[in-house]
Amino acid sequence: MNSDIDRHEHLARLLRDIRTHAELTQTEVAAALGKPQSYVSKYESGERRLDLVELAELCSVLRISLSELVNEFERKSR
């Protein structure tokens, strides 16, 4: 992956894949975060980027550690 855009798109896809693997809907994740469903939709589509605090909160809801997410991101980015 060469560009920042590619990496952001990859992260968005990875987050969606982790959510679906956890058998959670966008609505369920949003409710757990105290956010509207559109929040989840926007970061999964790449329209919105997450900061580190938001990403850590999301990982908690998805039942994955932040370090596991980073490792998976790096592994699939090669």
PDB file of N, CA and C in Angstrom:
ATOM      1  N   MET A   1       0.838  -1.171   0.000  1.00  0.00           N
ATOM      2  CA  MET A   1       0.000   0.000   0.000  1.00  0.00           C
ATOM      3  C   MET A   1       0.879   1.228   0.000  1.00  0.00           C
ATOM      4  N   ASN A   2       0.664   2.073  -0.945  1.00  0.00           N
ATOM      5  CA  ASN A   2       1.568   3.196  -1.103  1.00  0.00           C
ATOM      6  C   ASN A   2       1.046   4.480  -0.500  1.00  0.00           C
ATOM      7  N   SER A   3      -0.192   4.800  -0.732  1.00  0.00           N
ATOM      8  CA  SER A   3      -0.668   6.118  -0.332  1.00  0.00           C
ATOM      9  C   SER A   3      -1.406   6.070   0.997  1.00  0.00           C
ATOM     10  N   ASP A   4      -1.490   7.247   1.624  1.00  0.00           N
ATOM     11  CA  ASP A   4      -2.249   7.368   2.863  1.00  0.00           C
ATOM     12  C   ASP A   4      -3.710   7.015   2.632  1.00  0.00           C
ATOM     13  N   ILE A   5      -4.236   7.377   1.463  1.00  0.00           N
ATOM     14  CA  ILE A   5      -5.635   7.077   1.155  1.00  0.00           C
ATOM     15  C   ILE A   5      -5.848   5.568   1.145  1.00  0.00           C
ATOM     16  N   ASP A   6      -4.948   4.829   0.530  1.00  0.00           N
ATOM     17  CA  ASP A   6      -5.054   3.372   0.517  1.00  0.00           C
ATOM     18  C   ASP A   6      -5.050   2.816   1.935  1.00  0.00           C
ATOM     19  N   ARG A   7      -4.205   3.346   2.784  1.00  0.00           N
ATOM     20  CA  ARG A   7      -4.111   2.866   4.163  1.00  0.00           C
ATOM     21  C   ARG A   7      -5.378   3.188   4.946  1.00  0.00           C
ATOM     22  N   HIS A   8      -5.954   4.355   4.717  1.00  0.00           N
ATOM     23  CA  HIS A   8      -7.206   4.704   5.395  1.00  0.00           C
ATOM     24  C   HIS A   8      -8.349   3.820   4.912  1.00  0.00           C
ATOM     25  N   GLU A   9      -8.386   3.551   3.615  1.00  0.00           N
ATOM     26  CA  GLU A   9      -9.412   2.656   3.071  1.00  0.00           C
ATOM     27  C   GLU A   9      -9.241   1.249   3.631  1.00  0.00           C
ATOM     28  N   HIS A  10      -8.006   0.820   3.753  1.00  0.00           N
ATOM     29  CA  HIS A  10      -7.723  -0.505   4.313  1.00  0.00           C
ATOM     30  C   HIS A  10      -8.200  -0.581   5.763  1.00  0.00           C
ATOM     31  N   LEU A  11      -7.935   0.446   6.548  1.00  0.00           N
ATOM     32  CA  LEU A  11      -8.380   0.461   7.939  1.00  0.00           C
ATOM     33  C   LEU A  11      -9.899   0.430   8.016  1.00  0.00           C
ATOM     34  N   ALA A  12     -10.562   1.198   7.184  1.00  0.00           N
ATOM     35  CA  ALA A  12     -12.031   1.215   7.180  1.00  0.00           C
ATOM     36  C   ALA A  12     -12.578  -0.177   6.872  1.00  0.00           C
ATOM     37  N   ARG A  13     -12.006  -0.850   5.880  1.00  0.00           N
ATOM     38  CA  ARG A  13     -12.446  -2.217   5.531  1.00  0.00           C
ATOM     39  C   ARG A  13     -12.172  -3.186   6.672  1.00  0.00           C
ATOM     40  N   LEU A  14     -11.009  -3.048   7.280  1.00  0.00           N
ATOM     41  CA  LEU A  14     -10.639  -3.934   8.382  1.00  0.00           C
ATOM     42  C   LEU A  14     -11.604  -3.772   9.549  1.00  0.00           C
ATOM     43  N   LEU A  15     -11.948  -2.541   9.888  1.00  0.00           N
ATOM     44  CA  LEU A  15     -12.889  -2.310  10.983  1.00  0.00           C
ATOM     45  C   LEU A  15     -14.257  -2.904  10.667  1.00  0.00           C
ATOM     46  N   ARG A  16     -14.697  -2.763   9.436  1.00  0.00           N
ATOM     47  CA  ARG A  16     -15.979  -3.360   9.025  1.00  0.00           C
ATOM     48  C   ARG A  16     -15.903  -4.881   9.134  1.00  0.00           C
ATOM     49  N   ASP A  17     -14.814  -5.463   8.653  1.00  0.00           N
ATOM     50  CA  ASP A  17     -14.664  -6.920   8.693  1.00  0.00           C
ATOM     51  C   ASP A  17     -14.643  -7.441  10.128  1.00  0.00           C
ATOM     52  N   ILE A  18     -13.964  -6.735  11.010  1.00  0.00           N
ATOM     53  CA  ILE A  18     -13.914  -7.148  12.416  1.00  0.00           C
ATOM     54  C   ILE A  18     -15.310  -7.064  13.031  1.00  0.00           C
ATOM     55  N   ARG A  19     -16.033  -6.004  12.711  1.00  0.00           N
ATOM     56  CA  ARG A  19     -17.404  -5.853  13.240  1.00  0.00           C
ATOM     57  C   ARG A  19     -18.290  -6.994  12.765  1.00  0.00           C
ATOM     58  N   THR A  20     -18.247  -7.296  11.479  1.00  0.00           N
ATOM     59  CA  THR A  20     -19.114  -8.359  10.963  1.00  0.00           C
ATOM     60  C   THR A  20     -18.688  -9.723  11.505  1.00  0.00           C
ATOM     61  N   HIS A  21     -17.391  -9.929  11.684  1.00  0.00           N
ATOM     62  CA  HIS A  21     -16.903 -11.181  12.274  1.00  0.00           C
ATOM     63  C   HIS A  21     -17.400 -11.325  13.717  1.00  0.00           C
ATOM     64  N   ALA A  22     -17.518 -10.209  14.417  1.00  0.00           N
ATOM     65  CA  ALA A  22     -18.039 -10.208  15.791  1.00  0.00           C
ATOM     66  C   ALA A  22     -19.565 -10.325  15.816  1.00  0.00           C
ATOM     67  N   GLU A  23     -20.161 -10.395  14.624  1.00  0.00           N
ATOM     68  CA  GLU A  23     -21.613 -10.514  14.471  1.00  0.00           C
ATOM     69  C   GLU A  23     -22.354  -9.356  15.136  1.00  0.00           C
ATOM     70  N   LEU A  24     -21.824  -8.156  14.917  1.00  0.00           N
ATOM     71  CA  LEU A  24     -22.441  -6.933  15.420  1.00  0.00           C
ATOM     72  C   LEU A  24     -22.904  -6.089  14.242  1.00  0.00           C
ATOM     73  N   THR A  25     -24.040  -5.442  14.407  1.00  0.00           N
ATOM     74  CA  THR A  25     -24.520  -4.518  13.382  1.00  0.00           C
ATOM     75  C   THR A  25     -23.938  -3.134  13.643  1.00  0.00           C
ATOM     76  N   GLN A  26     -24.017  -2.282  12.643  1.00  0.00           N
ATOM     77  CA  GLN A  26     -23.595  -0.892  12.840  1.00  0.00           C
ATOM     78  C   GLN A  26     -24.403  -0.254  13.962  1.00  0.00           C
ATOM     79  N   THR A  27     -25.678  -0.559  14.026  1.00  0.00           N
ATOM     80  CA  THR A  27     -26.554   0.012  15.052  1.00  0.00           C
ATOM     81  C   THR A  27     -26.129  -0.432  16.446  1.00  0.00           C
ATOM     82  N   GLU A  28     -25.768  -1.692  16.596  1.00  0.00           N
ATOM     83  CA  GLU A  28     -25.329  -2.198  17.901  1.00  0.00           C
ATOM     84  C   GLU A  28     -24.023  -1.546  18.339  1.00  0.00           C
ATOM     85  N   VAL A  29     -23.089  -1.412  17.417  1.00  0.00           N
ATOM     86  CA  VAL A  29     -21.809  -0.772  17.741  1.00  0.00           C
ATOM     87  C   VAL A  29     -22.041   0.689  18.114  1.00  0.00           C
ATOM     88  N   ALA A  30     -22.849   1.367  17.325  1.00  0.00           N
ATOM     89  CA  ALA A  30     -23.142   2.774  17.594  1.00  0.00           C
ATOM     90  C   ALA A  30     -23.773   2.945  18.968  1.00  0.00           C
ATOM     91  N   ALA A  31     -24.725   2.089  19.307  1.00  0.00           N
ATOM     92  CA  ALA A  31     -25.389   2.180  20.613  1.00  0.00           C
ATOM     93  C   ALA A  31     -24.390   1.974  21.746  1.00  0.00           C
ATOM     94  N   ALA A  32     -23.481   1.016  21.586  1.00  0.00           N
ATOM     95  CA  ALA A  32     -22.468   0.756  22.612  1.00  0.00           C
ATOM     96  C   ALA A  32     -21.524   1.940  22.784  1.00  0.00           C
ATOM     97  N   LEU A  33     -21.322   2.689  21.715  1.00  0.00           N
ATOM     98  CA  LEU A  33     -20.444   3.865  21.759  1.00  0.00           C
ATOM     99  C   LEU A  33     -21.195   5.135  22.146  1.00  0.00           C
ATOM    100  N   GLY A  34     -22.528   5.060  22.189  1.00  0.00           N
ATOM    101  CA  GLY A  34     -23.331   6.250  22.468  1.00  0.00           C
ATOM    102  C   GLY A  34     -23.347   7.220  21.302  1.00  0.00           C
ATOM    103  N   LYS A  35     -23.282   6.674  20.098  1.00  0.00           N
ATOM    104  CA  LYS A  35     -23.229   7.480  18.872  1.00  0.00           C
ATOM    105  C   LYS A  35     -24.368   7.061  17.949  1.00  0.00           C
ATOM    106  N   PRO A  36     -24.691   7.888  16.951  1.00  0.00           N
ATOM    107  CA  PRO A  36     -25.685   7.469  15.957  1.00  0.00           C
ATOM    108  C   PRO A  36     -25.089   6.425  15.002  1.00  0.00           C
ATOM    109  N   GLN A  37     -25.936   5.665  14.359  1.00  0.00           N
ATOM    110  CA  GLN A  37     -25.490   4.642  13.413  1.00  0.00           C
ATOM    111  C   GLN A  37     -24.665   5.263  12.295  1.00  0.00           C
ATOM    112  N   SER A  38     -24.977   6.484  11.925  1.00  0.00           N
ATOM    113  CA  SER A  38     -24.246   7.147  10.839  1.00  0.00           C
ATOM    114  C   SER A  38     -22.763   7.325  11.178  1.00  0.00           C
ATOM    115  N   TYR A  39     -22.429   7.428  12.455  1.00  0.00           N
ATOM    116  CA  TYR A  39     -21.034   7.529  12.899  1.00  0.00           C
ATOM    117  C   TYR A  39     -20.256   6.300  12.426  1.00  0.00           C
ATOM    118  N   VAL A  40     -20.832   5.120  12.664  1.00  0.00           N
ATOM    119  CA  VAL A  40     -20.185   3.870  12.261  1.00  0.00           C
ATOM    120  C   VAL A  40     -20.120   3.782  10.742  1.00  0.00           C
ATOM    121  N   SER A  41     -21.210   4.112  10.094  1.00  0.00           N
ATOM    122  CA  SER A  41     -21.256   4.076   8.634  1.00  0.00           C
ATOM    123  C   SER A  41     -20.182   4.969   8.022  1.00  0.00           C
ATOM    124  N   LYS A  42     -19.996   6.140   8.588  1.00  0.00           N
ATOM    125  CA  LYS A  42     -19.031   7.093   8.024  1.00  0.00           C
ATOM    126  C   LYS A  42     -17.589   6.633   8.183  1.00  0.00           C
ATOM    127  N   TYR A  43     -17.230   6.046   9.336  1.00  0.00           N
ATOM    128  CA  TYR A  43     -15.835   5.603   9.429  1.00  0.00           C
ATOM    129  C   TYR A  43     -15.622   4.318   8.633  1.00  0.00           C
ATOM    130  N   GLU A  44     -16.649   3.489   8.504  1.00  0.00           N
ATOM    131  CA  GLU A  44     -16.495   2.272   7.701  1.00  0.00           C
ATOM    132  C   GLU A  44     -16.413   2.569   6.207  1.00  0.00           C
ATOM    133  N   SER A  45     -16.998   3.666   5.789  1.00  0.00           N
ATOM    134  CA  SER A  45     -16.946   4.037   4.368  1.00  0.00           C
ATOM    135  C   SER A  45     -15.734   4.906   4.054  1.00  0.00           C
ATOM    136  N   GLY A  46     -15.004   5.311   5.084  1.00  0.00           N
ATOM    137  CA  GLY A  46     -13.840   6.161   4.884  1.00  0.00           C
ATOM    138  C   GLY A  46     -14.159   7.639   4.856  1.00  0.00           C
ATOM    139  N   GLU A  47     -15.423   7.970   5.073  1.00  0.00           N
ATOM    140  CA  GLU A  47     -15.840   9.372   5.067  1.00  0.00           C
ATOM    141  C   GLU A  47     -15.356  10.105   6.316  1.00  0.00           C
ATOM    142  N   ARG A  48     -15.156   9.365   7.397  1.00  0.00           N
ATOM    143  CA  ARG A  48     -14.716   9.943   8.663  1.00  0.00           C
ATOM    144  C   ARG A  48     -13.521   9.148   9.163  1.00  0.00           C
ATOM    145  N   ARG A  49     -12.580   9.847   9.769  1.00  0.00           N
ATOM    146  CA  ARG A  49     -11.420   9.189  10.365  1.00  0.00           C
ATOM    147  C   ARG A  49     -11.553   9.220  11.879  1.00  0.00           C
ATOM    148  N   LEU A  50     -11.009   8.199  12.515  1.00  0.00           N
ATOM    149  CA  LEU A  50     -11.070   8.085  13.965  1.00  0.00           C
ATOM    150  C   LEU A  50      -9.748   8.517  14.582  1.00  0.00           C
ATOM    151  N   ASP A  51      -9.836   9.181  15.726  1.00  0.00           N
ATOM    152  CA  ASP A  51      -8.601   9.473  16.453  1.00  0.00           C
ATOM    153  C   ASP A  51      -8.281   8.275  17.354  1.00  0.00           C
ATOM    154  N   LEU A  52      -7.170   8.323  18.041  1.00  0.00           N
ATOM    155  CA  LEU A  52      -6.704   7.188  18.833  1.00  0.00           C
ATOM    156  C   LEU A  52      -7.675   6.836  19.953  1.00  0.00           C
ATOM    157  N   VAL A  53      -8.222   7.827  20.620  1.00  0.00           N
ATOM    158  CA  VAL A  53      -9.165   7.575  21.713  1.00  0.00           C
ATOM    159  C   VAL A  53     -10.417   6.887  21.170  1.00  0.00           C
ATOM    160  N   GLU A  54     -10.940   7.383  20.053  1.00  0.00           N
ATOM    161  CA  GLU A  54     -12.124   6.771  19.440  1.00  0.00           C
ATOM    162  C   GLU A  54     -11.827   5.340  18.995  1.00  0.00           C
ATOM    163  N   LEU A  55     -10.658   5.131  18.442  1.00  0.00           N
ATOM    164  CA  LEU A  55     -10.270   3.802  17.985  1.00  0.00           C
ATOM    165  C   LEU A  55     -10.167   2.831  19.165  1.00  0.00           C
ATOM    166  N   ALA A  56      -9.606   3.290  20.270  1.00  0.00           N
ATOM    167  CA  ALA A  56      -9.501   2.443  21.464  1.00  0.00           C
ATOM    168  C   ALA A  56     -10.885   2.085  21.998  1.00  0.00           C
ATOM    169  N   GLU A  57     -11.802   3.049  22.018  1.00  0.00           N
ATOM    170  CA  GLU A  57     -13.171   2.782  22.471  1.00  0.00           C
ATOM    171  C   GLU A  57     -13.848   1.780  21.542  1.00  0.00           C
ATOM    172  N   LEU A  58     -13.649   1.937  20.256  1.00  0.00           N
ATOM    173  CA  LEU A  58     -14.235   1.027  19.283  1.00  0.00           C
ATOM    174  C   LEU A  58     -13.682  -0.384  19.467  1.00  0.00           C
ATOM    175  N   CYS A  59     -12.394  -0.500  19.662  1.00  0.00           N
ATOM    176  CA  CYS A  59     -11.789  -1.818  19.871  1.00  0.00           C
ATOM    177  C   CYS A  59     -12.414  -2.523  21.070  1.00  0.00           C
ATOM    178  N   SER A  60     -12.686  -1.783  22.112  1.00  0.00           N
ATOM    179  CA  SER A  60     -13.326  -2.360  23.293  1.00  0.00           C
ATOM    180  C   SER A  60     -14.688  -2.948  22.939  1.00  0.00           C
ATOM    181  N   VAL A  61     -15.466  -2.215  22.165  1.00  0.00           N
ATOM    182  CA  VAL A  61     -16.788  -2.692  21.739  1.00  0.00           C
ATOM    183  C   VAL A  61     -16.656  -3.915  20.836  1.00  0.00           C
ATOM    184  N   LEU A  62     -15.652  -3.918  19.976  1.00  0.00           N
ATOM    185  CA  LEU A  62     -15.450  -5.022  19.032  1.00  0.00           C
ATOM    186  C   LEU A  62     -14.752  -6.222  19.665  1.00  0.00           C
ATOM    187  N   ARG A  63     -14.386  -6.086  20.936  1.00  0.00           N
ATOM    188  CA  ARG A  63     -13.728  -7.161  21.688  1.00  0.00           C
ATOM    189  C   ARG A  63     -12.389  -7.572  21.057  1.00  0.00           C
ATOM    190  N   ILE A  64     -11.616  -6.548  20.716  1.00  0.00           N
ATOM    191  CA  ILE A  64     -10.271  -6.751  20.177  1.00  0.00           C
ATOM    192  C   ILE A  64      -9.381  -5.688  20.817  1.00  0.00           C
ATOM    193  N   SER A  65      -8.162  -6.047  21.136  1.00  0.00           N
ATOM    194  CA  SER A  65      -7.272  -5.045  21.716  1.00  0.00           C
ATOM    195  C   SER A  65      -6.755  -4.121  20.617  1.00  0.00           C
ATOM    196  N   LEU A  66      -6.365  -2.943  21.026  1.00  0.00           N
ATOM    197  CA  LEU A  66      -5.803  -1.989  20.075  1.00  0.00           C
ATOM    198  C   LEU A  66      -4.545  -2.568  19.429  1.00  0.00           C
ATOM    199  N   SER A  67      -3.735  -3.262  20.214  1.00  0.00           N
ATOM    200  CA  SER A  67      -2.514  -3.852  19.647  1.00  0.00           C
ATOM    201  C   SER A  67      -2.845  -4.955  18.641  1.00  0.00           C
ATOM    202  N   GLU A  68      -3.894  -5.739  18.894  1.00  0.00           N
ATOM    203  CA  GLU A  68      -4.307  -6.754  17.921  1.00  0.00           C
ATOM    204  C   GLU A  68      -4.758  -6.101  16.617  1.00  0.00           C
ATOM    205  N   LEU A  69      -5.494  -4.999  16.739  1.00  0.00           N
ATOM    206  CA  LEU A  69      -5.946  -4.282  15.547  1.00  0.00           C
ATOM    207  C   LEU A  69      -4.752  -3.780  14.741  1.00  0.00           C
ATOM    208  N   VAL A  70      -3.796  -3.173  15.417  1.00  0.00           N
ATOM    209  CA  VAL A  70      -2.612  -2.647  14.732  1.00  0.00           C
ATOM    210  C   VAL A  70      -1.841  -3.788  14.063  1.00  0.00           C
ATOM    211  N   ASN A  71      -1.674  -4.892  14.771  1.00  0.00           N
ATOM    212  CA  ASN A  71      -0.964  -6.035  14.187  1.00  0.00           C
ATOM    213  C   ASN A  71      -1.677  -6.560  12.948  1.00  0.00           C
ATOM    214  N   GLU A  72      -2.994  -6.673  13.022  1.00  0.00           N
ATOM    215  CA  GLU A  72      -3.769  -7.150  11.870  1.00  0.00           C
ATOM    216  C   GLU A  72      -3.671  -6.163  10.710  1.00  0.00           C
ATOM    217  N   PHE A  73      -3.731  -4.882  11.024  1.00  0.00           N
ATOM    218  CA  PHE A  73      -3.602  -3.844  10.000  1.00  0.00           C
ATOM    219  C   PHE A  73      -2.251  -3.957   9.295  1.00  0.00           C
ATOM    220  N   GLU A  74      -1.197  -4.086  10.066  1.00  0.00           N
ATOM    221  CA  GLU A  74       0.150  -4.190   9.489  1.00  0.00           C
ATOM    222  C   GLU A  74       0.307  -5.480   8.689  1.00  0.00           C
ATOM    223  N   ARG A  75      -0.220  -6.572   9.210  1.00  0.00           N
ATOM    224  CA  ARG A  75      -0.103  -7.860   8.524  1.00  0.00           C
ATOM    225  C   ARG A  75      -0.796  -7.814   7.169  1.00  0.00           C
ATOM    226  N   LYS A  76      -1.974  -7.221   7.120  1.00  0.00           N
ATOM    227  CA  LYS A  76      -2.734  -7.179   5.874  1.00  0.00           C
ATOM    228  C   LYS A  76      -2.287  -6.048   4.955  1.00  0.00           C
ATOM    229  N   SER A  77      -1.430  -5.166   5.447  1.00  0.00           N
ATOM    230  CA  SER A  77      -0.942  -4.049   4.628  1.00  0.00           C
ATOM    231  C   SER A  77       0.262  -4.439   3.784  1.00  0.00           C
ATOM    232  N   ARG A  78       0.794  -5.594   4.022  1.00  0.00           N
ATOM    233  CA  ARG A  78       2.016  -6.006   3.306  1.00  0.00           C
ATOM    234  C   ARG A  78       1.715  -6.479   1.921  1.00  0.00           C
TER     235      ARG A  78
END
